Amino acid sequence: MALTETITGWFERNRAKRGDRTTRTVLADNYRELARLANQLKLHAEKAPYPFVGERLSRLAAEKEKSIALLFEGIEHLGARVAKFDTSIPSGRNHWERVHQDLEDQKRVVAKLTDDVSYLALEAPDYSQLLRQLVEVERRHKATLLDLLARADPQAEQT
């Protein structure tokens, strides 16, 4: 009985959330998240202790810029504009903390995009497919960040 109540409660909460969200807001939210993370990766690439790490972070940011452009086209096609967003960038005391922050933010982006794929599946299948493509790109980014984190030394004073 508890499982049925839990599932029913989840559906009810999600139904309430759906009323506030449109295709435009879903795309705009994802646009803002990706743009903020791309900016964060660029900044962290500049602070990377080794050139190859900085290059990998810069490459991730450049790929995110392509995804951002696709989302921007969709938003414009729907006749909407993107509101300003928080441009503050969390930073850590050293390289390991910065990459850890990047990975955590990346996980959040992947989870949100994945949720939004199914959210738009019936309402806007074309945009759902676009988000599905972005999920694949973002999953690769997550793997890259995980690799960079595994190679970083959390004890190092690499500022």
N, C-alpha and C. Protein backbone atom coordinates (compact mmCIF):
# COMPACT_ATOMS: atom_id res chain seq x y z
N MET A 1 0.82 -1.18 0.00
CA MET A 1 0.00 0.00 0.00
C MET A 1 0.87 1.26 0.00
N ALA A 2 1.99 1.25 0.71
CA ALA A 2 2.86 2.42 0.81
C ALA A 2 3.46 2.76 -0.55
N LEU A 3 3.81 1.76 -1.32
CA LEU A 3 4.38 2.00 -2.65
C LEU A 3 3.35 2.67 -3.55
N THR A 4 2.12 2.22 -3.51
CA THR A 4 1.06 2.82 -4.31
C THR A 4 0.86 4.29 -3.93
N GLU A 5 0.88 4.57 -2.64
CA GLU A 5 0.73 5.95 -2.18
C GLU A 5 1.91 6.81 -2.62
N THR A 6 3.10 6.26 -2.58
CA THR A 6 4.30 6.99 -3.00
C THR A 6 4.22 7.33 -4.49
N ILE A 7 3.86 6.35 -5.29
CA ILE A 7 3.76 6.57 -6.74
C ILE A 7 2.66 7.56 -7.06
N THR A 8 1.52 7.42 -6.41
CA THR A 8 0.41 8.35 -6.63
C THR A 8 0.82 9.77 -6.24
N GLY A 9 1.50 9.91 -5.12
CA GLY A 9 1.96 11.22 -4.68
C GLY A 9 2.93 11.83 -5.67
N TRP A 10 3.82 11.01 -6.23
CA TRP A 10 4.78 11.50 -7.22
C TRP A 10 4.04 12.02 -8.45
N PHE A 11 3.07 11.27 -8.94
CA PHE A 11 2.30 11.72 -10.10
C PHE A 11 1.55 13.01 -9.82
N GLU A 12 0.98 13.12 -8.65
CA GLU A 12 0.25 14.34 -8.29
C GLU A 12 1.18 15.55 -8.23
N ARG A 13 2.35 15.39 -7.63
CA ARG A 13 3.32 16.50 -7.56
C ARG A 13 3.77 16.90 -8.96
N ASN A 14 4.03 15.92 -9.81
CA ASN A 14 4.47 16.22 -11.17
C ASN A 14 3.36 16.86 -11.99
N ARG A 15 2.13 16.46 -11.78
CA ARG A 15 1.01 17.07 -12.49
C ARG A 15 0.90 18.55 -12.12
N ALA A 16 1.11 18.87 -10.86
CA ALA A 16 1.06 20.27 -10.42
C ALA A 16 2.19 21.07 -11.06
N LYS A 17 3.36 20.47 -11.18
CA LYS A 17 4.50 21.16 -11.80
C LYS A 17 4.26 21.39 -13.28
N ARG A 18 3.61 20.46 -13.95
CA ARG A 18 3.40 20.55 -15.40
C ARG A 18 2.60 21.79 -15.78
N GLY A 19 1.70 22.20 -14.93
CA GLY A 19 0.87 23.35 -15.26
C GLY A 19 1.68 24.62 -15.44
N ASP A 20 2.81 24.73 -14.76
CA ASP A 20 3.64 25.91 -14.83
C ASP A 20 4.65 25.86 -15.97
N ARG A 21 4.87 24.71 -16.54
CA ARG A 21 5.92 24.56 -17.54
C ARG A 21 5.35 24.43 -18.94
N THR A 22 6.01 25.09 -19.86
CA THR A 22 5.68 24.98 -21.27
C THR A 22 6.93 24.54 -22.01
N THR A 23 6.79 24.27 -23.28
CA THR A 23 7.95 23.90 -24.08
C THR A 23 8.99 25.02 -24.03
N ARG A 24 8.51 26.25 -24.10
CA ARG A 24 9.43 27.40 -24.05
C ARG A 24 10.22 27.42 -22.74
N THR A 25 9.51 27.25 -21.64
CA THR A 25 10.21 27.33 -20.35
C THR A 25 11.18 26.17 -20.16
N VAL A 26 10.80 25.01 -20.66
CA VAL A 26 11.70 23.85 -20.56
C VAL A 26 12.98 24.12 -21.35
N LEU A 27 12.85 24.59 -22.57
CA LEU A 27 14.04 24.89 -23.39
C LEU A 27 14.86 26.01 -22.76
N ALA A 28 14.19 27.05 -22.27
CA ALA A 28 14.91 28.18 -21.68
C ALA A 28 15.65 27.76 -20.41
N ASP A 29 15.03 26.92 -19.59
CA ASP A 29 15.70 26.45 -18.37
C ASP A 29 16.97 25.67 -18.72
N ASN A 30 16.85 24.79 -19.71
CA ASN A 30 18.01 24.00 -20.11
C ASN A 30 19.08 24.89 -20.76
N TYR A 31 18.65 25.87 -21.52
CA TYR A 31 19.58 26.83 -22.12
C TYR A 31 20.40 27.52 -21.02
N ARG A 32 19.72 28.02 -20.01
CA ARG A 32 20.41 28.73 -18.93
C ARG A 32 21.37 27.81 -18.18
N GLU A 33 20.95 26.60 -17.91
CA GLU A 33 21.82 25.67 -17.19
C GLU A 33 23.08 25.34 -17.99
N LEU A 34 22.89 25.05 -19.28
CA LEU A 34 24.04 24.73 -20.12
C LEU A 34 24.96 25.93 -20.30
N ALA A 35 24.39 27.12 -20.46
CA ALA A 35 25.20 28.32 -20.64
C ALA A 35 26.02 28.61 -19.38
N ARG A 36 25.40 28.45 -18.22
CA ARG A 36 26.13 28.68 -16.97
C ARG A 36 27.26 27.67 -16.80
N LEU A 37 26.98 26.41 -17.12
CA LEU A 37 28.01 25.37 -16.99
C LEU A 37 29.12 25.57 -18.02
N ALA A 38 28.79 25.99 -19.22
CA ALA A 38 29.82 26.27 -20.24
C ALA A 38 30.75 27.38 -19.76
N ASN A 39 30.17 28.44 -19.18
CA ASN A 39 30.99 29.52 -18.63
C ASN A 39 31.88 29.03 -17.50
N GLN A 40 31.33 28.19 -16.66
CA GLN A 40 32.09 27.62 -15.55
C GLN A 40 33.26 26.80 -16.07
N LEU A 41 33.02 25.97 -17.08
CA LEU A 41 34.08 25.14 -17.63
C LEU A 41 35.18 25.99 -18.27
N LYS A 42 34.79 27.08 -18.94
CA LYS A 42 35.80 27.97 -19.54
C LYS A 42 36.70 28.57 -18.46
N LEU A 43 36.08 29.04 -17.39
CA LEU A 43 36.86 29.62 -16.30
C LEU A 43 37.77 28.58 -15.66
N HIS A 44 37.25 27.40 -15.44
CA HIS A 44 38.05 26.35 -14.83
C HIS A 44 39.14 25.86 -15.78
N ALA A 45 38.92 25.93 -17.07
CA ALA A 45 39.96 25.56 -18.04
C ALA A 45 41.14 26.52 -17.95
N GLU A 46 40.83 27.79 -17.74
CA GLU A 46 41.91 28.79 -17.61
C GLU A 46 42.75 28.55 -16.37
N LYS A 47 42.15 27.98 -15.33
CA LYS A 47 42.85 27.74 -14.07
C LYS A 47 43.44 26.34 -13.99
N ALA A 48 43.27 25.53 -15.01
CA ALA A 48 43.73 24.13 -14.97
C ALA A 48 45.25 24.08 -14.79
N PRO A 49 45.73 23.12 -13.99
CA PRO A 49 47.16 23.06 -13.71
C PRO A 49 48.00 22.51 -14.87
N TYR A 50 47.38 21.81 -15.79
CA TYR A 50 48.11 21.22 -16.92
C TYR A 50 47.41 21.59 -18.21
N PRO A 51 48.18 21.82 -19.27
CA PRO A 51 47.58 22.23 -20.55
C PRO A 51 46.56 21.24 -21.10
N PHE A 52 46.83 19.94 -20.99
CA PHE A 52 45.90 18.96 -21.56
C PHE A 52 44.56 18.97 -20.83
N VAL A 53 44.58 19.27 -19.53
CA VAL A 53 43.34 19.35 -18.76
C VAL A 53 42.55 20.58 -19.20
N GLY A 54 43.25 21.69 -19.35
CA GLY A 54 42.60 22.91 -19.82
C GLY A 54 41.99 22.73 -21.20
N GLU A 55 42.69 22.01 -22.07
CA GLU A 55 42.18 21.75 -23.42
C GLU A 55 40.92 20.90 -23.37
N ARG A 56 40.91 19.89 -22.52
CA ARG A 56 39.71 19.03 -22.42
C ARG A 56 38.52 19.81 -21.89
N LEU A 57 38.76 20.64 -20.88
CA LEU A 57 37.67 21.45 -20.33
C LEU A 57 37.18 22.46 -21.37
N SER A 58 38.10 23.05 -22.12
CA SER A 58 37.72 24.00 -23.17
C SER A 58 36.91 23.31 -24.26
N ARG A 59 37.30 22.09 -24.60
CA ARG A 59 36.57 21.33 -25.62
C ARG A 59 35.14 21.04 -25.16
N LEU A 60 35.00 20.70 -23.88
CA LEU A 60 33.65 20.46 -23.34
C LEU A 60 32.81 21.74 -23.44
N ALA A 61 33.42 22.85 -23.08
CA ALA A 61 32.70 24.14 -23.14
C ALA A 61 32.29 24.46 -24.58
N ALA A 62 33.18 24.18 -25.54
CA ALA A 62 32.86 24.45 -26.95
C ALA A 62 31.71 23.57 -27.43
N GLU A 63 31.70 22.31 -27.02
CA GLU A 63 30.60 21.43 -27.40
C GLU A 63 29.28 21.89 -26.76
N LYS A 64 29.38 22.38 -25.55
CA LYS A 64 28.17 22.91 -24.90
C LYS A 64 27.66 24.14 -25.65
N GLU A 65 28.56 24.94 -26.18
CA GLU A 65 28.15 26.12 -26.95
C GLU A 65 27.32 25.70 -28.17
N LYS A 66 27.66 24.59 -28.78
CA LYS A 66 26.88 24.08 -29.92
C LYS A 66 25.47 23.67 -29.46
N SER A 67 25.41 23.02 -28.31
CA SER A 67 24.11 22.63 -27.76
C SER A 67 23.29 23.86 -27.40
N ILE A 68 23.94 24.84 -26.85
CA ILE A 68 23.27 26.09 -26.47
C ILE A 68 22.69 26.76 -27.70
N ALA A 69 23.45 26.76 -28.79
CA ALA A 69 22.96 27.37 -30.03
C ALA A 69 21.71 26.66 -30.54
N LEU A 70 21.68 25.33 -30.45
CA LEU A 70 20.50 24.58 -30.88
C LEU A 70 19.28 24.92 -30.01
N LEU A 71 19.51 25.03 -28.71
CA LEU A 71 18.40 25.39 -27.83
C LEU A 71 17.93 26.82 -28.11
N PHE A 72 18.87 27.71 -28.37
CA PHE A 72 18.51 29.11 -28.67
C PHE A 72 17.65 29.19 -29.93
N GLU A 73 18.01 28.40 -30.95
CA GLU A 73 17.20 28.37 -32.18
C GLU A 73 15.78 27.91 -31.87
N GLY A 74 15.65 26.87 -31.06
CA GLY A 74 14.32 26.37 -30.69
C GLY A 74 13.52 27.39 -29.93
N ILE A 75 14.18 28.08 -29.03
CA ILE A 75 13.51 29.11 -28.23
C ILE A 75 13.02 30.24 -29.13
N GLU A 76 13.89 30.69 -30.03
CA GLU A 76 13.49 31.75 -30.97
C GLU A 76 12.36 31.28 -31.88
N HIS A 77 12.42 30.04 -32.33
CA HIS A 77 11.38 29.48 -33.20
C HIS A 77 10.02 29.51 -32.50
N LEU A 78 10.03 29.35 -31.20
CA LEU A 78 8.78 29.38 -30.42
C LEU A 78 8.37 30.81 -30.08
N GLY A 79 9.16 31.78 -30.52
CA GLY A 79 8.82 33.17 -30.28
C GLY A 79 9.10 33.64 -28.87
N ALA A 80 10.04 33.02 -28.23
CA ALA A 80 10.37 33.39 -26.86
C ALA A 80 11.77 34.01 -26.79
N ARG A 81 12.07 34.53 -25.62
CA ARG A 81 13.38 35.08 -25.35
C ARG A 81 13.90 34.45 -24.07
N VAL A 82 15.20 34.45 -23.94
CA VAL A 82 15.79 33.87 -22.74
C VAL A 82 16.05 35.00 -21.74
N ALA A 83 15.54 34.80 -20.55
CA ALA A 83 15.75 35.80 -19.49
C ALA A 83 17.18 35.71 -18.98
N LYS A 84 17.63 36.76 -18.35
CA LYS A 84 18.97 36.75 -17.77
C LYS A 84 19.03 35.66 -16.71
N PHE A 85 20.23 35.20 -16.48
CA PHE A 85 20.39 34.13 -15.52
C PHE A 85 21.61 34.39 -14.64
N ASP A 86 21.68 33.65 -13.58
CA ASP A 86 22.76 33.79 -12.60
C ASP A 86 24.08 33.41 -13.27
N THR A 87 25.01 34.35 -13.29
CA THR A 87 26.29 34.08 -13.92
C THR A 87 27.39 33.81 -12.90
N SER A 88 27.02 33.70 -11.63
CA SER A 88 28.04 33.40 -10.63
C SER A 88 28.56 31.99 -10.85
N ILE A 89 29.85 31.85 -10.68
CA ILE A 89 30.49 30.57 -10.96
C ILE A 89 31.14 30.06 -9.68
N PRO A 90 30.69 28.90 -9.21
CA PRO A 90 31.32 28.35 -8.01
C PRO A 90 32.74 27.91 -8.34
N SER A 91 33.61 28.11 -7.40
CA SER A 91 35.00 27.71 -7.62
C SER A 91 35.50 27.04 -6.35
N GLY A 92 36.51 26.25 -6.50
CA GLY A 92 37.07 25.56 -5.36
C GLY A 92 38.45 26.10 -5.03
N ARG A 93 38.99 25.59 -3.95
CA ARG A 93 40.32 26.03 -3.52
C ARG A 93 41.43 25.47 -4.40
N ASN A 94 41.13 24.34 -5.04
CA ASN A 94 42.14 23.74 -5.91
C ASN A 94 41.47 23.10 -7.12
N HIS A 95 42.29 22.54 -7.99
CA HIS A 95 41.79 21.95 -9.24
C HIS A 95 40.80 20.83 -8.96
N TRP A 96 41.09 19.95 -8.00
CA TRP A 96 40.21 18.83 -7.71
C TRP A 96 38.82 19.34 -7.32
N GLU A 97 38.74 20.34 -6.46
CA GLU A 97 37.44 20.86 -6.03
C GLU A 97 36.67 21.49 -7.20
N ARG A 98 37.39 22.16 -8.11
CA ARG A 98 36.72 22.75 -9.26
C ARG A 98 36.15 21.67 -10.18
N VAL A 99 36.93 20.64 -10.44
CA VAL A 99 36.45 19.55 -11.31
C VAL A 99 35.31 18.79 -10.62
N HIS A 100 35.40 18.64 -9.33
CA HIS A 100 34.32 17.99 -8.58
C HIS A 100 33.03 18.79 -8.74
N GLN A 101 33.12 20.12 -8.61
CA GLN A 101 31.96 20.99 -8.79
C GLN A 101 31.42 20.85 -10.21
N ASP A 102 32.32 20.83 -11.19
CA ASP A 102 31.90 20.66 -12.59
C ASP A 102 31.14 19.35 -12.77
N LEU A 103 31.66 18.28 -12.19
CA LEU A 103 31.01 16.97 -12.32
C LEU A 103 29.63 16.97 -11.66
N GLU A 104 29.52 17.53 -10.47
CA GLU A 104 28.22 17.58 -9.79
C GLU A 104 27.20 18.39 -10.60
N ASP A 105 27.65 19.52 -11.14
CA ASP A 105 26.75 20.34 -11.96
C ASP A 105 26.39 19.60 -13.25
N GLN A 106 27.35 18.87 -13.80
CA GLN A 106 27.09 18.09 -15.02
C GLN A 106 26.05 17.01 -14.75
N LYS A 107 26.16 16.34 -13.62
CA LYS A 107 25.17 15.31 -13.26
C LYS A 107 23.77 15.91 -13.18
N ARG A 108 23.68 17.10 -12.58
CA ARG A 108 22.38 17.77 -12.46
C ARG A 108 21.82 18.12 -13.84
N VAL A 109 22.68 18.56 -14.75
CA VAL A 109 22.24 18.90 -16.11
C VAL A 109 21.73 17.65 -16.83
N VAL A 110 22.46 16.56 -16.72
CA VAL A 110 22.04 15.31 -17.37
C VAL A 110 20.70 14.84 -16.82
N ALA A 111 20.53 14.90 -15.51
CA ALA A 111 19.27 14.47 -14.90
C ALA A 111 18.11 15.34 -15.37
N LYS A 112 18.32 16.64 -15.41
CA LYS A 112 17.25 17.55 -15.84
C LYS A 112 16.89 17.33 -17.30
N LEU A 113 17.90 17.22 -18.15
CA LEU A 113 17.62 16.97 -19.57
C LEU A 113 16.87 15.66 -19.75
N THR A 114 17.28 14.63 -19.02
CA THR A 114 16.62 13.32 -19.13
C THR A 114 15.15 13.42 -18.72
N ASP A 115 14.88 14.12 -17.63
CA ASP A 115 13.49 14.31 -17.20
C ASP A 115 12.70 15.07 -18.26
N ASP A 116 13.32 16.09 -18.83
CA ASP A 116 12.61 16.94 -19.79
C ASP A 116 12.36 16.24 -21.13
N VAL A 117 13.17 15.24 -21.46
CA VAL A 117 12.92 14.45 -22.68
C VAL A 117 11.54 13.81 -22.58
N SER A 118 11.26 13.16 -21.47
CA SER A 118 9.95 12.51 -21.33
C SER A 118 8.85 13.53 -21.11
N TYR A 119 9.18 14.66 -20.49
CA TYR A 119 8.19 15.71 -20.26
C TYR A 119 7.65 16.26 -21.58
N LEU A 120 8.55 16.43 -22.57
CA LEU A 120 8.15 16.99 -23.86
C LEU A 120 7.73 15.94 -24.89
N ALA A 121 7.83 14.67 -24.55
CA ALA A 121 7.58 13.60 -25.52
C ALA A 121 6.22 13.72 -26.19
N LEU A 122 5.17 14.03 -25.45
CA LEU A 122 3.84 14.15 -26.04
C LEU A 122 3.54 15.57 -26.52
N GLU A 123 3.99 16.54 -25.76
CA GLU A 123 3.68 17.94 -26.07
C GLU A 123 4.45 18.46 -27.28
N ALA A 124 5.74 18.11 -27.36
CA ALA A 124 6.59 18.62 -28.44
C ALA A 124 7.64 17.57 -28.80
N PRO A 125 7.25 16.56 -29.59
CA PRO A 125 8.16 15.45 -29.88
C PRO A 125 9.46 15.87 -30.57
N ASP A 126 9.41 16.91 -31.40
CA ASP A 126 10.64 17.37 -32.07
C ASP A 126 11.65 17.90 -31.06
N TYR A 127 11.15 18.67 -30.11
CA TYR A 127 12.04 19.21 -29.09
C TYR A 127 12.47 18.13 -28.10
N SER A 128 11.62 17.16 -27.88
CA SER A 128 12.00 16.03 -27.05
C SER A 128 13.17 15.28 -27.70
N GLN A 129 13.11 15.11 -29.00
CA GLN A 129 14.21 14.46 -29.72
C GLN A 129 15.49 15.28 -29.63
N LEU A 130 15.37 16.59 -29.73
CA LEU A 130 16.54 17.47 -29.59
C LEU A 130 17.17 17.28 -28.22
N LEU A 131 16.35 17.27 -27.18
CA LEU A 131 16.87 17.07 -25.84
C LEU A 131 17.49 15.69 -25.68
N ARG A 132 16.92 14.70 -26.34
CA ARG A 132 17.49 13.34 -26.29
C ARG A 132 18.90 13.33 -26.88
N GLN A 133 19.10 14.08 -27.97
CA GLN A 133 20.43 14.19 -28.57
C GLN A 133 21.40 14.89 -27.61
N LEU A 134 20.90 15.93 -26.94
CA LEU A 134 21.74 16.65 -26.00
C LEU A 134 22.11 15.79 -24.80
N VAL A 135 21.20 14.92 -24.39
CA VAL A 135 21.49 14.01 -23.27
C VAL A 135 22.70 13.15 -23.62
N GLU A 136 22.76 12.64 -24.85
CA GLU A 136 23.90 11.81 -25.25
C GLU A 136 25.21 12.58 -25.18
N VAL A 137 25.20 13.81 -25.65
CA VAL A 137 26.39 14.65 -25.59
C VAL A 137 26.77 14.89 -24.12
N GLU A 138 25.80 15.23 -23.31
CA GLU A 138 26.06 15.56 -21.91
C GLU A 138 26.52 14.33 -21.12
N ARG A 139 26.07 13.16 -21.48
CA ARG A 139 26.56 11.94 -20.81
C ARG A 139 28.04 11.72 -21.12
N ARG A 140 28.45 12.01 -22.34
CA ARG A 140 29.87 11.91 -22.68
C ARG A 140 30.67 12.93 -21.87
N HIS A 141 30.12 14.13 -21.71
CA HIS A 141 30.79 15.15 -20.92
C HIS A 141 30.95 14.70 -19.47
N LYS A 142 29.92 14.05 -18.96
CA LYS A 142 29.96 13.55 -17.59
C LYS A 142 31.09 12.53 -17.44
N ALA A 143 31.23 11.64 -18.42
CA ALA A 143 32.30 10.64 -18.38
C ALA A 143 33.67 11.31 -18.44
N THR A 144 33.81 12.33 -19.25
CA THR A 144 35.08 13.05 -19.35
C THR A 144 35.42 13.71 -18.02
N LEU A 145 34.45 14.36 -17.41
CA LEU A 145 34.69 15.01 -16.12
C LEU A 145 35.02 14.00 -15.03
N LEU A 146 34.37 12.85 -15.07
CA LEU A 146 34.67 11.79 -14.11
C LEU A 146 36.12 11.33 -14.27
N ASP A 147 36.56 11.20 -15.51
CA ASP A 147 37.94 10.82 -15.79
C ASP A 147 38.91 11.89 -15.27
N LEU A 148 38.61 13.15 -15.52
CA LEU A 148 39.48 14.23 -15.04
C LEU A 148 39.53 14.26 -13.51
N LEU A 149 38.39 14.01 -12.89
CA LEU A 149 38.36 14.01 -11.42
C LEU A 149 39.19 12.85 -10.87
N ALA A 150 39.10 11.70 -11.51
CA ALA A 150 39.86 10.53 -11.05
C ALA A 150 41.36 10.77 -11.16
N ARG A 151 41.79 11.59 -12.12
CA ARG A 151 43.20 11.86 -12.30
C ARG A 151 43.71 13.00 -11.41
N ALA A 152 42.80 13.81 -10.90
CA ALA A 152 43.20 14.97 -10.09
C ALA A 152 43.53 14.52 -8.66
N ASP A 153 44.41 15.25 -8.03
CA ASP A 153 44.81 14.97 -6.68
C ASP A 153 44.09 15.90 -5.71
N PRO A 154 43.21 15.36 -4.87
CA PRO A 154 42.45 16.24 -3.97
C PRO A 154 43.34 16.94 -2.92
N GLN A 155 44.51 16.40 -2.68
CA GLN A 155 45.40 16.98 -1.67
C GLN A 155 46.34 18.05 -2.25
N ALA A 156 46.45 18.06 -3.58
CA ALA A 156 47.40 18.99 -4.20
C ALA A 156 46.94 20.41 -4.05
N GLU A 157 47.88 21.29 -3.93
CA GLU A 157 47.57 22.72 -3.83
C GLU A 157 47.65 23.34 -5.21
N GLN A 158 47.03 22.70 -6.17
CA GLN A 158 47.01 23.21 -7.55
C GLN A 158 45.92 24.26 -7.64
N THR A 159 46.28 25.47 -7.59
CA THR A 159 45.29 26.54 -7.63
C THR A 159 44.99 26.90 -9.01
